[in-house]
Every structure is written in structure tokens, then in C-alpha cells.
Protein backbone atom coordinates (compact mmCIF):
# COMPACT_ATOMS: atom_id res chain seq x y z
CA UNK A 1 -6.58 -63.10 32.26
CA UNK A 2 -4.19 -65.73 34.12
CA UNK A 3 -3.33 -67.31 30.83
CA UNK A 4 -1.23 -63.88 30.09
CA UNK A 5 1.40 -64.76 32.77
CA UNK A 6 2.55 -67.77 30.70
CA UNK A 7 2.10 -66.96 27.35
CA UNK A 8 5.57 -66.14 26.26
CA UNK A 9 6.72 -69.59 27.61
CA UNK A 10 3.79 -71.36 25.94
CA UNK A 11 4.84 -70.43 22.41
CA UNK A 12 8.14 -70.92 23.32
CA UNK A 13 7.74 -74.47 24.35
CA UNK A 14 5.75 -75.29 21.00
CA UNK A 15 8.07 -73.60 18.91
CA UNK A 16 11.13 -75.33 19.70
CA UNK A 17 9.90 -78.59 18.35
CA UNK A 18 9.77 -76.77 14.80
CA UNK A 19 12.70 -77.43 12.58
CA UNK A 20 12.41 -74.22 11.01
CA UNK A 21 12.70 -71.97 13.77
CA UNK A 22 16.64 -71.36 14.60
CA UNK A 23 17.48 -69.57 17.33
CA UNK A 24 15.44 -66.64 19.61
CA UNK A 25 15.45 -64.23 16.72
CA UNK A 26 13.79 -66.02 14.13
CA UNK A 27 11.36 -66.99 17.06
CA UNK A 28 10.41 -63.58 18.15
CA UNK A 29 10.13 -62.71 14.53
CA UNK A 30 7.36 -65.35 13.96
CA UNK A 31 5.69 -64.58 16.95
CA UNK A 32 5.76 -60.72 15.94
CA UNK A 33 3.80 -61.13 12.32
CA UNK A 34 1.16 -63.47 14.27
CA UNK A 35 0.90 -60.84 16.72
CA UNK A 36 0.33 -57.92 14.37
CA UNK A 37 -2.50 -59.78 12.33
CA UNK A 38 -4.19 -60.69 15.66
CA UNK A 39 -4.11 -57.20 17.20
CA UNK A 40 -5.14 -55.45 13.47
CA UNK A 41 -8.05 -58.09 13.75
CA UNK A 42 -9.27 -56.52 16.75
CA UNK A 43 -8.58 -52.84 15.63
CA UNK A 44 -10.68 -53.57 12.56
CA UNK A 45 -13.44 -54.92 14.57
CA UNK A 46 -13.58 -51.60 16.28
CA UNK A 47 -13.61 -50.00 13.36
CA UNK A 48 -16.34 -51.60 11.49
CA UNK A 49 -18.56 -50.89 14.53
CA UNK A 50 -17.83 -47.39 14.34
CA UNK A 51 -18.08 -47.38 10.56
CA UNK A 52 -20.75 -49.32 8.83
CA UNK A 53 -19.10 -48.43 5.34
CA UNK A 54 -15.45 -49.85 6.64
CA UNK A 55 -14.13 -52.06 4.24
CA UNK A 56 -10.52 -53.70 5.42
CA UNK A 57 -7.58 -53.48 3.08
CA UNK A 58 -6.96 -57.21 3.55
CA UNK A 59 -9.05 -60.06 1.51
CA UNK A 60 -11.66 -61.84 3.22
CA UNK A 61 -9.98 -65.01 2.84
CA UNK A 62 -6.60 -63.56 4.17
CA UNK A 63 -8.06 -62.20 7.48
CA UNK A 64 -7.37 -63.61 10.88
CA UNK A 65 -10.86 -64.69 11.56
CA UNK A 66 -11.20 -66.43 8.42
CA UNK A 67 -7.96 -68.52 8.13
CA UNK A 68 -6.35 -68.18 11.83
CA UNK A 69 -9.22 -68.46 13.94
CA UNK A 70 -10.32 -71.96 15.70
CA UNK A 71 -14.23 -71.93 16.41
CA UNK A 72 -13.97 -75.71 17.53
CA UNK A 73 -15.99 -76.83 14.79
CA UNK A 74 -13.09 -79.15 13.54
CA UNK A 75 -12.79 -77.31 10.30
CA UNK A 76 -9.81 -74.94 11.07
CA UNK A 77 -7.08 -75.19 8.87
CA UNK A 78 -3.77 -77.33 10.12
CA UNK A 79 -0.98 -79.49 9.14
CA UNK A 80 0.01 -79.26 5.32
CA UNK A 81 -2.92 -77.30 4.51
CA UNK A 82 -2.45 -74.41 6.79
CA UNK A 83 0.98 -73.99 5.66
CA UNK A 84 0.08 -74.20 2.34
CA UNK A 85 -2.12 -71.09 2.64
CA UNK A 86 0.17 -69.30 4.91
CA UNK A 87 3.13 -69.64 2.42
CA UNK A 88 1.39 -69.54 -1.05
CA UNK A 89 -1.57 -67.52 -0.21
CA UNK A 90 -1.32 -65.29 2.74
CA UNK A 91 2.16 -63.66 2.41
CA UNK A 92 1.90 -63.18 -1.11
CA UNK A 93 -1.21 -61.63 -1.22
CA UNK A 94 -0.36 -58.77 1.93
CA UNK A 95 3.20 -58.23 0.14
CA UNK A 96 1.45 -57.08 -2.73
CA UNK A 97 -1.50 -55.41 -1.24
CA UNK A 98 -2.23 -52.27 -3.02
CA UNK A 99 -1.10 -49.18 -1.60
CA UNK A 100 -0.39 -45.55 -2.70
CA UNK A 101 -0.21 -42.29 -1.44
CA UNK A 102 -3.91 -41.94 -1.30
CA UNK A 103 -4.18 -45.24 0.98
CA UNK A 104 -4.86 -44.42 4.89
CA UNK A 105 -1.97 -45.03 7.11
CA UNK A 106 -4.00 -47.39 9.07
CA UNK A 107 -4.70 -49.70 6.05
CA UNK A 108 -0.87 -49.03 4.33
CA UNK A 109 0.47 -50.24 7.12
CA UNK A 110 -0.51 -53.71 6.45
CA UNK A 111 1.66 -53.77 3.35
CA UNK A 112 4.91 -52.31 4.76
CA UNK A 113 4.50 -54.30 7.55
CA UNK A 114 4.49 -57.36 5.72
CA UNK A 115 7.04 -56.52 2.95
CA UNK A 116 9.86 -58.31 4.34
CA UNK A 117 8.20 -60.77 6.61
CA UNK A 118 8.96 -64.38 6.78
CA UNK A 119 7.23 -67.30 8.07
CA UNK A 120 9.74 -69.88 9.53
CA UNK A 121 7.59 -72.72 11.00
CA UNK A 122 7.73 -75.99 8.78
CA UNK A 123 5.13 -77.82 10.60
CA UNK A 124 1.53 -77.08 10.12
CA UNK A 125 0.20 -78.76 13.12
CA UNK A 126 2.68 -76.68 15.69
CA UNK A 127 1.92 -73.35 13.69
CA UNK A 128 -1.75 -74.49 14.27
CA UNK A 129 -1.23 -74.54 18.03
CA UNK A 130 0.96 -71.21 17.92
CA UNK A 131 -2.20 -69.57 16.24
CA UNK A 132 -4.51 -71.08 18.74
CA UNK A 133 -2.64 -69.59 21.81
CA UNK A 134 -2.28 -65.98 20.05
CA UNK A 135 -5.84 -66.35 19.31
CA UNK A 136 -7.00 -66.74 22.80
CA UNK A 137 -5.86 -63.39 23.69
CA UNK A 138 -9.22 -60.95 24.03
CA UNK A 139 -8.17 -57.71 23.12
CA UNK A 140 -11.74 -56.72 23.06
CA UNK A 141 -11.27 -56.74 26.93
CA UNK A 142 -10.49 -53.57 27.93
CA UNK A 143 -8.30 -54.79 31.14
CA UNK A 144 -6.77 -58.01 29.07
CA UNK A 145 -5.85 -55.62 26.23
CA UNK A 146 -3.75 -53.33 28.42
CA UNK A 147 -2.12 -56.29 30.33
CA UNK A 148 -1.38 -57.64 26.99
CA UNK A 149 0.35 -54.30 26.30
CA UNK A 150 2.66 -54.96 29.01
CA UNK A 151 3.12 -58.83 27.83
CA UNK A 152 4.42 -57.52 24.49
CA UNK A 153 7.15 -55.04 26.49
CA UNK A 154 8.39 -58.41 27.62
CA UNK A 155 8.66 -59.73 24.29
CA UNK A 156 10.41 -56.45 23.24
CA UNK A 157 12.76 -56.92 26.05
CA UNK A 158 13.94 -60.19 25.16
CA UNK A 159 14.53 -59.05 21.96
CA UNK A 160 17.84 -57.77 23.94
CA UNK A 161 19.25 -61.03 24.35
CA UNK A 162 18.44 -62.22 20.54
CA UNK A 163 21.65 -61.37 18.80
CA UNK A 164 21.76 -58.24 16.98
CA UNK A 165 18.27 -57.67 17.29
CA UNK A 166 18.93 -56.15 20.49
CA UNK A 167 20.25 -52.66 18.78
CA UNK A 168 16.66 -51.77 18.30
CA UNK A 169 15.80 -51.67 22.28
CA UNK A 170 16.39 -48.96 24.47
CA UNK A 171 15.76 -50.05 28.34
CA UNK A 172 12.51 -48.63 29.31
CA UNK A 173 14.15 -47.06 32.43
CA UNK A 174 15.98 -44.85 30.26
CA UNK A 175 13.08 -43.88 28.06
CA UNK A 176 10.87 -42.99 30.79
CA UNK A 177 13.66 -41.03 32.23
CA UNK A 178 14.21 -38.76 29.24
CA UNK A 179 10.46 -38.83 28.97
CA UNK A 180 9.63 -37.47 32.08
CA UNK A 181 12.53 -34.96 32.08
CA UNK A 182 11.25 -33.58 28.57
CA UNK A 183 7.90 -33.09 30.28
CA UNK A 184 5.27 -33.61 27.22
CA UNK A 185 2.42 -31.05 26.73
CA UNK A 186 -0.74 -31.36 24.92
CA UNK A 187 -0.93 -30.13 21.40
CA UNK A 188 2.91 -30.95 20.80
CA UNK A 189 4.63 -33.18 18.09
CA UNK A 190 7.25 -35.44 18.98
CA UNK A 191 9.70 -37.42 17.01
CA UNK A 192 12.12 -40.02 16.45
CA UNK A 193 13.68 -40.57 13.48
CA UNK A 194 15.37 -44.30 14.31
CA UNK A 195 12.66 -45.50 16.67
CA UNK A 196 13.48 -49.32 16.71
CA UNK A 197 10.45 -51.04 18.39
CA UNK A 198 8.86 -47.72 19.37
CA UNK A 199 10.09 -47.50 22.87
CA UNK A 200 10.83 -43.60 22.88
CA UNK A 201 6.96 -43.38 21.41
CA UNK A 202 5.22 -44.98 24.20
CA UNK A 203 7.19 -43.53 26.89
CA UNK A 204 6.27 -39.88 25.26
CA UNK A 205 2.68 -41.60 24.95
CA UNK A 206 2.19 -42.83 28.78
CA UNK A 207 3.86 -39.38 29.84
CA UNK A 208 1.64 -37.15 27.98
CA UNK A 209 -1.69 -39.62 28.83
CA UNK A 210 -1.50 -38.04 32.48
CA UNK A 211 -2.74 -34.64 30.75
CA UNK A 212 -5.36 -35.98 28.68
CA UNK A 213 -8.87 -34.52 30.12
CA UNK A 214 -10.79 -33.73 27.19
CA UNK A 215 -11.64 -35.27 23.55
CA UNK A 216 -9.64 -32.44 21.95
CA UNK A 217 -6.93 -33.55 24.37
CA UNK A 218 -7.51 -37.42 23.22
CA UNK A 219 -7.29 -36.64 19.53
CA UNK A 220 -3.90 -34.52 20.32
CA UNK A 221 -2.55 -37.51 22.30
CA UNK A 222 -3.43 -39.82 19.39
CA UNK A 223 -1.81 -37.49 16.72
CA UNK A 224 1.29 -36.57 18.82
CA UNK A 225 3.73 -39.08 17.52
CA UNK A 226 6.34 -39.48 14.53
CA UNK A 227 8.62 -42.31 13.90
CA UNK A 228 10.73 -43.69 11.07
CA UNK A 229 12.34 -47.02 11.32
CA UNK A 230 14.59 -48.24 8.45
CA UNK A 231 14.51 -52.05 9.20
CA UNK A 232 11.32 -54.02 8.47
CA UNK A 233 11.43 -56.15 11.74
CA UNK A 234 11.50 -53.14 14.50
CA UNK A 235 8.94 -51.67 12.28
CA UNK A 236 6.79 -54.70 12.33
CA UNK A 237 7.36 -54.23 15.98
CA UNK A 238 6.77 -51.16 16.71
CA UNK A 239 3.36 -50.89 14.40
CA UNK A 240 1.93 -53.64 16.69
CA UNK A 241 3.34 -51.41 19.84
CA UNK A 242 1.43 -48.22 18.38
CA UNK A 243 -1.93 -50.31 17.80
CA UNK A 244 -1.65 -51.69 21.42
CA UNK A 245 -1.62 -48.10 23.05
CA UNK A 246 -4.75 -47.33 21.31
CA UNK A 247 -3.24 -45.14 18.25
CA UNK A 248 -5.56 -46.13 15.53
CA UNK A 249 -3.46 -44.14 12.86
CA UNK A 250 -0.08 -44.76 13.94
CA UNK A 251 1.97 -42.34 12.21
CA UNK A 252 5.30 -44.59 11.84
CA UNK A 253 6.92 -45.14 8.63
CA UNK A 254 9.22 -47.60 7.11
CA UNK A 255 12.31 -45.45 5.68
CA UNK A 256 15.69 -44.25 6.11
CA UNK A 257 15.94 -40.68 7.78
CA UNK A 258 19.49 -39.90 6.21
CA UNK A 259 18.30 -40.50 2.54
CA UNK A 260 16.94 -36.66 2.31
CA UNK A 261 19.12 -33.45 1.96
CA UNK A 262 19.05 -31.89 5.33
CA UNK A 263 19.06 -28.41 3.78
CA UNK A 264 15.49 -28.98 1.97
CA UNK A 265 13.82 -29.15 5.58
CA UNK A 266 11.50 -26.67 5.99
CA UNK A 267 9.32 -25.68 9.13
CA UNK A 268 6.78 -28.38 8.09
CA UNK A 269 9.48 -30.84 8.59
CA UNK A 270 10.25 -29.76 12.03
CA UNK A 271 8.99 -30.96 15.34
CA UNK A 272 8.05 -29.37 18.98
CA UNK A 273 10.02 -32.63 20.72
CA UNK A 274 12.78 -35.26 19.58
CA UNK A 275 13.78 -38.21 21.51
CA UNK A 276 16.06 -40.39 20.12
CA UNK A 277 18.57 -43.12 20.37
CA UNK A 278 20.56 -42.83 17.15
CA UNK A 279 22.00 -46.20 15.74
CA UNK A 280 25.81 -45.84 16.50
CA UNK A 281 28.89 -47.89 15.46
CA UNK A 282 27.75 -48.21 12.23
CA UNK A 283 28.60 -46.33 8.91
CA UNK A 284 26.47 -45.43 6.01
CA UNK A 285 27.03 -45.65 2.30
CA UNK A 286 29.23 -43.22 0.92
CA UNK A 287 26.39 -41.75 -1.21
CA UNK A 288 24.64 -40.89 2.28
CA UNK A 289 26.73 -38.24 2.97
CA UNK A 290 26.14 -36.43 -0.23
CA UNK A 291 22.96 -35.57 1.59
CA UNK A 292 24.47 -33.50 4.28
CA UNK A 293 26.66 -30.01 4.36
CA UNK A 294 30.28 -31.02 3.57
CA UNK A 295 31.44 -30.16 6.87
CA UNK A 296 29.12 -32.29 8.72
CA UNK A 297 29.40 -35.22 6.62
CA UNK A 298 30.68 -37.78 8.68
CA UNK A 299 30.72 -41.75 8.16
CA UNK A 300 29.33 -42.35 11.76
CA UNK A 301 25.79 -42.81 11.76
CA UNK A 302 25.59 -41.09 15.41
CA UNK A 303 27.05 -37.71 14.14
CA UNK A 304 24.53 -37.92 11.01
CA UNK A 305 21.47 -38.58 13.00
CA UNK A 306 22.59 -35.47 15.48
CA UNK A 307 22.96 -33.47 12.19
CA UNK A 308 19.05 -34.09 11.22
CA UNK A 309 17.89 -33.83 14.62
CA UNK A 310 19.41 -29.68 14.56
CA UNK A 311 17.77 -29.48 11.47
CA UNK A 312 14.41 -31.01 12.45
CA UNK A 313 13.80 -29.45 15.62
CA UNK A 314 11.32 -26.72 16.10
CA UNK A 315 12.19 -22.83 17.58
CA UNK A 316 12.16 -23.37 21.09
CA UNK A 317 11.69 -27.02 20.63
CA UNK A 318 13.43 -29.52 23.08
CA UNK A 319 15.24 -32.62 22.51
CA UNK A 320 16.80 -35.45 24.29
CA UNK A 321 19.53 -37.74 22.59
CA UNK A 322 21.47 -40.66 23.62
CA UNK A 323 25.17 -40.57 22.27
CA UNK A 324 28.11 -42.74 22.95
CA UNK A 325 31.07 -41.33 24.28
CA UNK A 326 32.96 -41.24 20.91
CA UNK A 327 30.74 -37.89 19.99
CA UNK A 328 31.66 -36.20 23.23
CA UNK A 329 35.81 -36.61 22.89
CA UNK A 330 35.73 -37.00 18.94
CA UNK A 331 37.98 -34.36 17.39
CA UNK A 332 37.75 -35.35 13.78
CA UNK A 333 36.12 -32.15 11.61
CA UNK A 334 32.82 -33.65 11.10
CA UNK A 335 32.55 -34.09 14.92
CA UNK A 336 33.89 -30.63 15.75
CA UNK A 337 31.62 -28.99 13.39
CA UNK A 338 28.66 -30.93 14.85
CA UNK A 339 29.42 -29.79 18.17
CA UNK A 340 30.24 -26.21 16.89
CA UNK A 341 26.70 -25.79 15.72
CA UNK A 342 24.99 -27.46 19.00
CA UNK A 343 26.68 -24.88 20.80
CA UNK A 344 26.31 -21.77 18.80
CA UNK A 345 22.94 -22.54 17.79
CA UNK A 346 21.21 -24.68 20.23
CA UNK A 347 21.25 -24.49 24.22
CA UNK A 348 23.03 -27.63 25.37
CA UNK A 349 22.27 -26.97 29.24
CA UNK A 350 22.40 -31.00 30.43
CA UNK A 351 24.79 -33.88 29.80
CA UNK A 352 24.21 -36.90 31.47
CA UNK A 353 26.92 -39.38 31.64
CA UNK A 354 25.40 -43.13 31.97
CA UNK A 355 27.30 -45.47 33.85
CA UNK A 356 28.35 -48.53 31.39
CA UNK A 357 26.49 -51.41 30.55
CA UNK A 358 23.01 -49.98 30.16
CA UNK A 359 22.87 -51.57 26.91
CA UNK A 360 24.09 -54.69 27.99
CA UNK A 361 24.14 -57.52 26.53
CA UNK A 362 23.97 -55.86 23.20
CA UNK A 363 26.74 -53.12 23.68
CA UNK A 364 29.01 -52.03 26.53
CA UNK A 365 30.32 -49.05 25.37
CA UNK A 366 29.58 -46.09 27.76
CA UNK A 367 26.62 -43.96 26.46
CA UNK A 368 25.20 -40.21 27.21
CA UNK A 369 22.07 -38.25 27.07
CA UNK A 370 22.32 -34.65 25.55
CA UNK A 371 19.35 -32.28 26.82
CA UNK A 372 19.06 -29.43 24.62
CA UNK A 373 16.57 -26.85 22.91
CA UNK A 374 16.45 -24.38 20.24
CA UNK A 375 16.18 -21.36 22.50
CA UNK A 376 19.13 -19.60 21.52
CA UNK A 377 22.91 -20.46 21.74
CA UNK A 378 24.73 -21.99 24.88
CA UNK A 379 25.75 -20.19 27.57
CA UNK A 380 26.77 -22.99 29.96
CA UNK A 381 26.56 -26.75 30.44
CA UNK A 382 25.97 -28.82 33.36
CA UNK A 383 27.68 -32.14 33.06
CA UNK A 384 26.31 -34.78 35.77
CA UNK A 385 27.98 -38.36 36.28
CA UNK A 386 25.43 -41.17 37.00
CA UNK A 387 27.04 -43.84 38.83
CA UNK A 388 26.17 -47.56 39.16
CA UNK A 389 23.60 -47.96 41.71
CA UNK A 390 25.07 -49.60 45.37
CA UNK A 391 24.98 -53.31 45.03
CA UNK A 392 25.83 -53.46 41.31
CA UNK A 393 28.62 -53.95 39.21
CA UNK A 394 27.21 -53.82 35.99
CA UNK A 395 23.88 -54.50 34.51
CA UNK A 396 22.71 -57.20 32.91
CA UNK A 397 19.62 -58.99 31.63
CA UNK A 398 18.50 -60.28 35.05
CA UNK A 399 19.58 -57.24 36.84
CA UNK A 400 18.49 -54.22 34.04
CA UNK A 401 18.80 -50.60 35.08
CA UNK A 402 15.69 -49.28 36.77
CA UNK A 403 13.69 -45.83 36.59
CA UNK A 404 14.59 -45.25 40.34
CA UNK A 405 18.17 -45.67 39.17
CA UNK A 406 17.98 -42.03 37.72
CA UNK A 407 16.53 -40.83 41.05
CA UNK A 408 20.02 -38.91 42.47
CA UNK A 409 20.16 -37.11 38.79
CA UNK A 410 16.21 -36.16 39.26
CA UNK A 411 16.72 -34.92 42.72
CA UNK A 412 20.13 -33.09 41.49
CA UNK A 413 18.23 -31.67 38.19
CA UNK A 414 16.17 -28.98 40.13
CA UNK A 415 18.98 -27.90 42.43
CA UNK A 416 22.20 -27.87 40.65
CA UNK A 417 25.15 -27.84 42.40
CA UNK A 418 28.77 -29.06 41.80
CA UNK A 419 30.08 -32.23 43.19
CA UNK A 420 33.25 -34.02 43.47
CA UNK A 421 33.93 -37.34 44.86
CA UNK A 422 37.19 -38.73 45.60
CA UNK A 423 38.87 -35.73 44.15
CA UNK A 424 36.87 -36.59 40.43
CA UNK A 425 34.02 -34.05 39.25
CA UNK A 426 30.75 -35.71 39.47
CA UNK A 427 28.64 -32.87 38.55
CA UNK A 428 30.39 -29.39 37.31
CA UNK A 429 28.86 -26.65 34.97
CA UNK A 430 31.41 -25.17 32.06
CA UNK A 431 30.66 -21.97 30.10
CA UNK A 432 30.66 -22.10 26.49
CA UNK A 433 33.73 -20.43 26.41
CA UNK A 434 35.72 -23.02 28.40
CA UNK A 435 33.94 -25.78 26.10
CA UNK A 436 34.92 -24.12 22.71
CA UNK A 437 38.24 -22.55 23.68
CA UNK A 438 40.75 -24.60 26.22
CA UNK A 439 38.95 -27.74 25.87
CA UNK A 440 38.34 -27.71 21.99
CA UNK A 441 34.82 -28.76 22.14
CA UNK A 442 35.88 -32.12 24.31
CA UNK A 443 32.60 -32.61 25.72
CA UNK A 444 33.89 -35.65 27.83
CA UNK A 445 33.78 -33.70 31.26
CA UNK A 446 32.62 -35.34 34.64
CA UNK A 447 33.47 -38.84 33.29
CA UNK A 448 33.80 -42.45 35.00
CA UNK A 449 37.35 -42.63 36.84
CA UNK A 450 39.50 -45.56 36.80
CA UNK A 451 38.44 -46.35 33.50
CA UNK A 452 41.51 -48.91 33.02
CA UNK A 453 39.15 -51.49 34.86
CA UNK A 454 36.69 -51.31 32.21
CA UNK A 455 36.49 -54.67 30.27
CA UNK A 456 34.84 -54.09 26.62
CA UNK A 457 33.95 -56.86 24.72
CA UNK A 458 36.16 -57.15 21.29
CA UNK A 459 34.32 -55.36 18.84
CA UNK A 460 33.35 -52.69 21.50
CA UNK A 461 37.25 -52.25 22.08
CA UNK A 462 37.68 -52.43 18.12
CA UNK A 463 35.05 -49.70 17.68
CA UNK A 464 36.67 -47.79 20.95
CA UNK A 465 40.23 -47.90 19.48
CA UNK A 466 39.01 -46.53 15.85
CA UNK A 467 37.05 -43.59 17.75
CA UNK A 468 40.39 -42.68 19.78
CA UNK A 469 42.88 -43.15 16.72
CA UNK A 470 40.49 -41.17 14.55
CA UNK A 471 40.70 -38.36 17.39
CA UNK A 472 44.20 -38.64 17.62
CA UNK A 473 44.87 -38.50 13.94
CA UNK A 474 42.53 -35.08 13.86
CA UNK A 475 44.70 -33.64 16.65
CA UNK A 476 47.89 -34.24 15.20
CA UNK A 477 46.85 -33.11 11.92
CA UNK A 478 45.38 -29.84 13.62
CA UNK A 479 48.81 -29.35 15.52
CA UNK A 480 50.84 -30.27 12.43
CA UNK A 481 48.76 -27.37 10.50
CA UNK A 482 49.33 -24.63 13.55
CA UNK A 483 52.77 -25.29 13.29
CA UNK A 484 52.99 -25.39 9.80
CA UNK A 485 51.30 -21.85 9.53
CA UNK A 486 53.64 -20.23 12.05
CA UNK A 487 56.47 -21.41 10.32
CA UNK A 488 55.21 -19.45 7.31
CA UNK A 489 54.56 -22.48 5.12
CA UNK A 490 51.47 -23.90 3.05
CA UNK A 491 49.41 -25.68 4.95
CA UNK A 492 49.73 -29.80 4.60
């Protein structure tokens, strides 16, 4: 298993010499589709062992063992012949695999995974070298397979510094903390409607695994997750991630969660638990708003996802959701209405204010974790500010956030007390009357003092200004409307 330690480095060293690979993002995407086929091949060998009537959806000449595996007899394809096969046979075949509603998920995922995949490599000899490194993985070996699942995590981590691809990766410390606090139970169904590379799904599974004791538990475990991912590349990474975590039927779909009317959701579309880090900072096309009631129709993706979450959480269900500061302090109509719905129909019991740079280098915007359940309206909400750990000015690729950095909030969680540091609230409880009355649904409480020291990246700064301007405009409109009403005139 020693060969695993330098796995990513060996691939990187080979691919650096290929003129077709331009930067980290393309390199990881190239590795991703090959790894998917290798992992899928190992799964198919298991399925064939268990079911003698198993028939692969992949035509024989496109199966990994036939074209990628090198039996060292000197007949393995390489050079122009290999490139020609990959570009003109493999990709067109896998992109057009016959899939319909009756196709089992474990077969359909091949076609959805390859729908928008690309082969960037232009040197067939280097491509052969990369394939050989990947083919050397012994995924039939339990120890090596599980060790490789950890290696795969490092590949996903590298995404964070690969340009915009980082938006799909939530630091593992954060997903693990949220999964632990949500306390998974056997038999529950958990969902993530923008699942990226599957971080929340795997953290949920690793927490739930601790409670598996019987074959029935094992079945419930392997059918406990549901994910939707809009973008092709993270979807491919997520499917591979699920296969590596022994989910033979990964219920992860390549789709956009915002393209369905929220009022159409029934109990069958609801889940016991929702764990999410919705995309934020982006805005959807105007027609997406039509899928939401007028009072909740925001142009900010995080707001729209918050509505989807509320409509898709079961009675007595639990949720933990990451949202940017803009959601907490926002006073535009949609944000206020979403927060009204949250406090009146759900129990928002805890808001954890996370330190800045948790998502560095992708974004420096400060984020928060909202914990709520559907057990009745909110009576009180606790806010807790998680300060930067001692010895850290900010998190970075070399000094990322770790699970133990959440220890202070875990210690406080079960024995909640108000905390005040240097005259600033670090932990405090607010009644729903305070939050909805004098505070006007401003959930920006127990925030970080000395914010003037914060230096944001230019795009984050612009985004922050836009959010603050929208909030200020909404506040001015509200005050003007009140003054106009007091003067007896028509509302502006």
C-alpha cells in the first residue's frame, strides 16, 4: 500500500508534460473520469460475482479491463491508437449509453457521469502512463480500497486551490462537525440539494456507520442519502466518492434543485435531515424565481435554497445549513419573509458564527451554521461566536480548519451559558419576540468585533457592498413607507 502515498504526485508529474492539460482544474478533471471508470470496474466485478446474470451497461470493448488495463504482454493500446480510441470510441459511446426511467441507478450513473466529461490529454504515451498508475490500484483489497478513499479526499481538497472548482468543496472539519451535532439515526433519510463532491453525504455516512449492527441496519445505511448536483464535474467526483464509500446505488442526481415549483412538493419529497452548504453569491436566471411564491422569490441562490430546504424538511425533521452573513443581516423583502417563515414554522435553536477564511482561498466571506428543526415555531435562538483558534490569524491551504477547532462550541452546546468577552457578546440567547420585534429579523448577533481589520478579496468586497446596499435600500423604503402612512398619504 506504500504506493498510495505518492499517487497524486506521480499523476501530476506525468501530466505536467502533456500540452493538453492547462492548470490544476483540468488535471483533476482528467484524473476524475479515469478514476471513476477504475472504481466502477471494481464495483462491476463485485456485482458479477454476486449475480451471474449481471450485464454491464458499458459495451465490452469500452470496459476498463479491455482497453485501460495493461497485462504487460505488450499489447496494451498506447500512443495515437490509444488517443484515437478514447476520443472517437470511448467518449462518444459512454455519452450516448441508452438510459431511460427504468434503467437502474447503478447503471444510469455511467451515462450521466460522462455527459459533459472531457479528455484533455493530447499525448497517448503519457495517457498510457497515467492509466497504468491508476490501474495499479488494488480496489478489491479491503485495506487498499479504504486507504484510497482517504487519498480521494486529498484529491477533493486540491480542488479548493484549483480556481472556481473550490466552490464545490466544504472543508471536512465543517461537514463532520455538522453531521455530529445533527446525530444521525438508523432509518433516517438525509438530503443535500447542492451536494458538490459529496462532503456532507460522506460525513453523514461515517457518523451513521458507527450505529450499524445488523444486516437491516446495513441496508438502511446504504439507502440513507439523497443528493442533487447541478454541475457535471462535481457530480462525477461525488458519484466516485459514493462508490468508494461502498454505496452500490448512489442516489445522487445530476439536476438543478431550483427548477421545480416548491409548492408542488409533497411528503414523499421530504427528508428527516438536511445538511447543506447552498451556493451563495450567485444569482439564478429570472425564470427560476417563478418556482417560488412571490414573497420568497429572491435573486440570491442561498435564499432560494433556504426556501427549498424549508419545503422539503419533514415534520420533526432536523437541518444544519451554512449561510453567509448577508442572509443574517439582510433586510430586503425576500430575506425578511424567508426569516419570518423560518422563525414562525421552524425552531431555529442555534446559530454558530464561524470565523472568516474557513473557505479560503475560495472566498473570505464570513459564514454561519443555522441549526433548526421542524418541531414547532421558534421560542428562542442561541447565538455562539466561534473565534479563530489560538495561533491562527486566518485559515489557509497549509493551515486549514480542523475538527478540534469546534471543541469550544461542542463544550458549550450541552451547557449553554451567555458569554461576554471584552464587552462583546460571544454567546447569547434571544427570544423570538426580540428577533422579530426590535431587531427587525436581523439575525446578525454575537458577530465578530473589530471588523474594520477585515480585508476582503475584491470580488468578496463588491458582493458585501451589494448585500449591504440592498439591505440599506430596503430599510430606507420601509421607513419612508411608515412616514408616508403616518402623513396619511398613499404608500410610495
